[in-house]
């Protein structure tokens, strides 16, 4: 039982670190509408539909590549 509590404390610590990093993202120069849209849609697809993260990364890269070809990004 103590091991399980320790594991949950580690998960909580990681979640809090990710939250702190996420809250500083809007200050970063590389966050734009396209990046936020990709992140939100990827999260929805991963959580509700259970799509493999490999496909999400691959499709996000294709979207980013297409956006750069169309002149959306620098």
N, C-alpha and C. Protein backbone atom coordinates (compact mmCIF):
# COMPACT_ATOMS: atom_id res chain seq x y z
N UNK A 1 0.82 -1.19 0.00
CA UNK A 1 0.00 0.00 0.00
C UNK A 1 0.87 1.26 0.00
N UNK A 2 1.96 1.24 0.74
CA UNK A 2 2.84 2.40 0.79
C UNK A 2 3.50 2.65 -0.57
N UNK A 3 3.80 1.58 -1.28
CA UNK A 3 4.38 1.73 -2.61
C UNK A 3 3.41 2.43 -3.54
N UNK A 4 2.14 2.06 -3.45
CA UNK A 4 1.11 2.67 -4.29
C UNK A 4 0.98 4.17 -3.98
N UNK A 5 1.03 4.54 -2.73
CA UNK A 5 0.96 5.94 -2.35
C UNK A 5 2.17 6.69 -2.89
N UNK A 6 3.34 6.08 -2.81
CA UNK A 6 4.55 6.70 -3.33
C UNK A 6 4.46 6.92 -4.84
N UNK A 7 3.92 5.95 -5.56
CA UNK A 7 3.77 6.08 -7.01
C UNK A 7 2.81 7.21 -7.34
N UNK A 8 1.71 7.33 -6.60
CA UNK A 8 0.77 8.41 -6.85
C UNK A 8 1.37 9.77 -6.54
N UNK A 9 2.23 9.85 -5.55
CA UNK A 9 2.92 11.11 -5.26
C UNK A 9 3.84 11.50 -6.41
N UNK A 10 4.48 10.52 -7.01
CA UNK A 10 5.34 10.79 -8.16
C UNK A 10 4.50 11.29 -9.33
N UNK A 11 3.35 10.64 -9.57
CA UNK A 11 2.47 11.07 -10.66
C UNK A 11 1.97 12.49 -10.41
N UNK A 12 1.62 12.81 -9.18
CA UNK A 12 1.15 14.14 -8.84
C UNK A 12 2.25 15.17 -9.06
N UNK A 13 3.46 14.82 -8.69
CA UNK A 13 4.60 15.72 -8.89
C UNK A 13 4.82 16.00 -10.38
N UNK A 14 4.75 14.96 -11.19
CA UNK A 14 4.93 15.13 -12.64
C UNK A 14 3.80 15.98 -13.21
N UNK A 15 2.57 15.73 -12.76
CA UNK A 15 1.43 16.49 -13.27
C UNK A 15 1.57 17.97 -12.90
N UNK A 16 2.04 18.27 -11.71
CA UNK A 16 2.22 19.66 -11.31
C UNK A 16 3.33 20.34 -12.11
N UNK A 17 4.39 19.59 -12.40
CA UNK A 17 5.46 20.16 -13.22
C UNK A 17 4.97 20.45 -14.64
N UNK A 18 4.17 19.54 -15.19
CA UNK A 18 3.61 19.78 -16.52
C UNK A 18 2.66 20.97 -16.52
N UNK A 19 1.89 21.12 -15.44
CA UNK A 19 0.99 22.26 -15.33
C UNK A 19 1.78 23.56 -15.29
N UNK A 20 2.84 23.59 -14.52
CA UNK A 20 3.66 24.79 -14.44
C UNK A 20 4.29 25.12 -15.79
N UNK A 21 4.73 24.11 -16.51
CA UNK A 21 5.31 24.34 -17.84
C UNK A 21 4.25 24.82 -18.82
N UNK A 22 3.04 24.28 -18.71
CA UNK A 22 1.96 24.67 -19.61
C UNK A 22 1.54 26.12 -19.38
N UNK A 23 1.54 26.55 -18.13
CA UNK A 23 1.14 27.92 -17.83
C UNK A 23 2.13 28.95 -18.37
N UNK A 24 3.36 28.55 -18.59
CA UNK A 24 4.34 29.48 -19.14
C UNK A 24 4.38 29.44 -20.67
N UNK A 25 3.67 28.53 -21.29
CA UNK A 25 3.69 28.42 -22.74
C UNK A 25 3.17 29.65 -23.47
N UNK A 26 2.11 30.31 -23.01
CA UNK A 26 1.64 31.48 -23.76
C UNK A 26 2.68 32.59 -23.85
N UNK A 27 3.70 32.56 -23.00
CA UNK A 27 4.75 33.57 -23.06
C UNK A 27 5.81 33.20 -24.09
N UNK A 28 5.81 31.97 -24.54
CA UNK A 28 6.82 31.51 -25.49
C UNK A 28 6.51 32.05 -26.89
N UNK A 29 7.51 32.35 -27.68
CA UNK A 29 7.27 32.93 -29.01
C UNK A 29 6.78 31.93 -30.05
N UNK A 30 6.92 30.64 -29.80
CA UNK A 30 6.56 29.66 -30.81
C UNK A 30 5.13 29.15 -30.69
N UNK A 31 4.36 29.67 -29.76
CA UNK A 31 2.96 29.26 -29.60
C UNK A 31 2.09 30.17 -30.44
N UNK A 32 1.34 29.58 -31.36
CA UNK A 32 0.44 30.35 -32.18
C UNK A 32 -0.88 29.59 -32.29
N UNK A 33 -1.79 30.13 -33.08
CA UNK A 33 -3.11 29.51 -33.20
C UNK A 33 -3.03 28.09 -33.75
N UNK A 34 -2.20 27.88 -34.75
CA UNK A 34 -2.09 26.55 -35.35
C UNK A 34 -1.55 25.54 -34.34
N UNK A 35 -0.54 25.93 -33.58
CA UNK A 35 0.02 25.02 -32.58
C UNK A 35 -0.99 24.67 -31.49
N UNK A 36 -1.73 25.67 -31.03
CA UNK A 36 -2.75 25.41 -30.01
C UNK A 36 -3.86 24.53 -30.56
N UNK A 37 -4.27 24.76 -31.80
CA UNK A 37 -5.31 23.95 -32.41
C UNK A 37 -4.86 22.50 -32.55
N UNK A 38 -3.63 22.30 -32.98
CA UNK A 38 -3.10 20.94 -33.11
C UNK A 38 -3.06 20.26 -31.74
N UNK A 39 -2.63 20.98 -30.71
CA UNK A 39 -2.53 20.40 -29.37
C UNK A 39 -3.90 20.01 -28.83
N UNK A 40 -4.89 20.88 -28.99
CA UNK A 40 -6.23 20.59 -28.48
C UNK A 40 -6.87 19.43 -29.23
N UNK A 41 -6.76 19.44 -30.53
CA UNK A 41 -7.34 18.35 -31.33
C UNK A 41 -6.63 17.04 -31.05
N UNK A 42 -5.32 17.07 -30.89
CA UNK A 42 -4.57 15.84 -30.56
C UNK A 42 -4.97 15.29 -29.21
N UNK A 43 -5.17 16.17 -28.23
CA UNK A 43 -5.58 15.71 -26.90
C UNK A 43 -6.95 15.06 -26.96
N UNK A 44 -7.86 15.66 -27.70
CA UNK A 44 -9.21 15.09 -27.82
C UNK A 44 -9.15 13.73 -28.51
N UNK A 45 -8.38 13.64 -29.59
CA UNK A 45 -8.28 12.36 -30.31
C UNK A 45 -7.61 11.28 -29.45
N UNK A 46 -6.61 11.66 -28.67
CA UNK A 46 -5.91 10.67 -27.84
C UNK A 46 -6.78 10.21 -26.69
N UNK A 47 -7.49 11.13 -26.05
CA UNK A 47 -8.26 10.77 -24.85
C UNK A 47 -9.55 10.05 -25.21
N UNK A 48 -10.32 10.61 -26.13
CA UNK A 48 -11.64 10.06 -26.39
C UNK A 48 -11.65 8.93 -27.43
N UNK A 49 -10.78 9.01 -28.41
CA UNK A 49 -10.79 7.98 -29.45
C UNK A 49 -9.67 6.97 -29.29
N UNK A 50 -8.70 7.27 -28.43
CA UNK A 50 -7.63 6.32 -28.15
C UNK A 50 -6.66 6.15 -29.31
N UNK A 51 -6.48 7.19 -30.11
CA UNK A 51 -5.55 7.10 -31.24
C UNK A 51 -4.12 7.08 -30.71
N UNK A 52 -3.30 6.27 -31.32
CA UNK A 52 -1.91 6.13 -30.91
C UNK A 52 -1.17 7.47 -31.07
N UNK A 53 -0.32 7.79 -30.10
CA UNK A 53 0.41 9.06 -30.10
C UNK A 53 1.36 9.17 -31.29
N UNK A 54 1.83 8.04 -31.80
CA UNK A 54 2.72 8.08 -32.96
C UNK A 54 2.01 8.70 -34.16
N UNK A 55 0.77 8.30 -34.37
CA UNK A 55 0.01 8.86 -35.48
C UNK A 55 -0.28 10.33 -35.27
N UNK A 56 -0.53 10.72 -34.03
CA UNK A 56 -0.80 12.13 -33.74
C UNK A 56 0.42 12.99 -34.04
N UNK A 57 1.60 12.51 -33.65
CA UNK A 57 2.83 13.25 -33.91
C UNK A 57 3.10 13.33 -35.41
N UNK A 58 2.91 12.22 -36.11
CA UNK A 58 3.12 12.18 -37.55
C UNK A 58 2.18 13.14 -38.28
N UNK A 59 0.90 13.10 -37.93
CA UNK A 59 -0.07 13.98 -38.59
C UNK A 59 0.17 15.44 -38.24
N UNK A 60 0.57 15.71 -37.00
CA UNK A 60 0.89 17.08 -36.60
C UNK A 60 2.08 17.61 -37.38
N UNK A 61 3.07 16.75 -37.61
CA UNK A 61 4.23 17.16 -38.40
C UNK A 61 3.82 17.45 -39.84
N UNK A 62 2.93 16.63 -40.39
CA UNK A 62 2.44 16.88 -41.75
C UNK A 62 1.67 18.20 -41.84
N UNK A 63 0.86 18.48 -40.82
CA UNK A 63 0.11 19.74 -40.81
C UNK A 63 1.08 20.92 -40.73
N UNK A 64 2.08 20.81 -39.87
CA UNK A 64 3.08 21.88 -39.76
C UNK A 64 3.87 22.06 -41.03
N UNK A 65 4.23 20.96 -41.66
CA UNK A 65 4.96 21.04 -42.92
C UNK A 65 4.10 21.69 -44.00
N UNK A 66 2.85 21.29 -44.06
CA UNK A 66 1.93 21.89 -45.04
C UNK A 66 1.72 23.37 -44.78
N UNK A 67 1.63 23.75 -43.51
CA UNK A 67 1.47 25.17 -43.17
C UNK A 67 2.69 25.98 -43.58
N UNK A 68 3.88 25.39 -43.41
CA UNK A 68 5.08 26.13 -43.82
C UNK A 68 5.19 26.23 -45.33
N UNK A 69 4.73 25.22 -46.05
CA UNK A 69 4.72 25.30 -47.52
C UNK A 69 3.74 26.35 -48.02
N UNK A 70 2.62 26.50 -47.31
CA UNK A 70 1.61 27.48 -47.72
C UNK A 70 1.93 28.89 -47.22
N UNK A 71 3.01 29.03 -46.47
CA UNK A 71 3.42 30.35 -46.02
C UNK A 71 2.81 30.79 -44.70
N UNK A 72 2.16 29.88 -43.97
CA UNK A 72 1.58 30.26 -42.68
C UNK A 72 2.67 30.53 -41.65
N UNK A 73 3.71 29.72 -41.66
CA UNK A 73 4.80 29.88 -40.71
C UNK A 73 6.05 30.31 -41.45
N UNK A 74 7.04 30.78 -40.68
CA UNK A 74 8.30 31.21 -41.29
C UNK A 74 9.20 30.05 -41.56
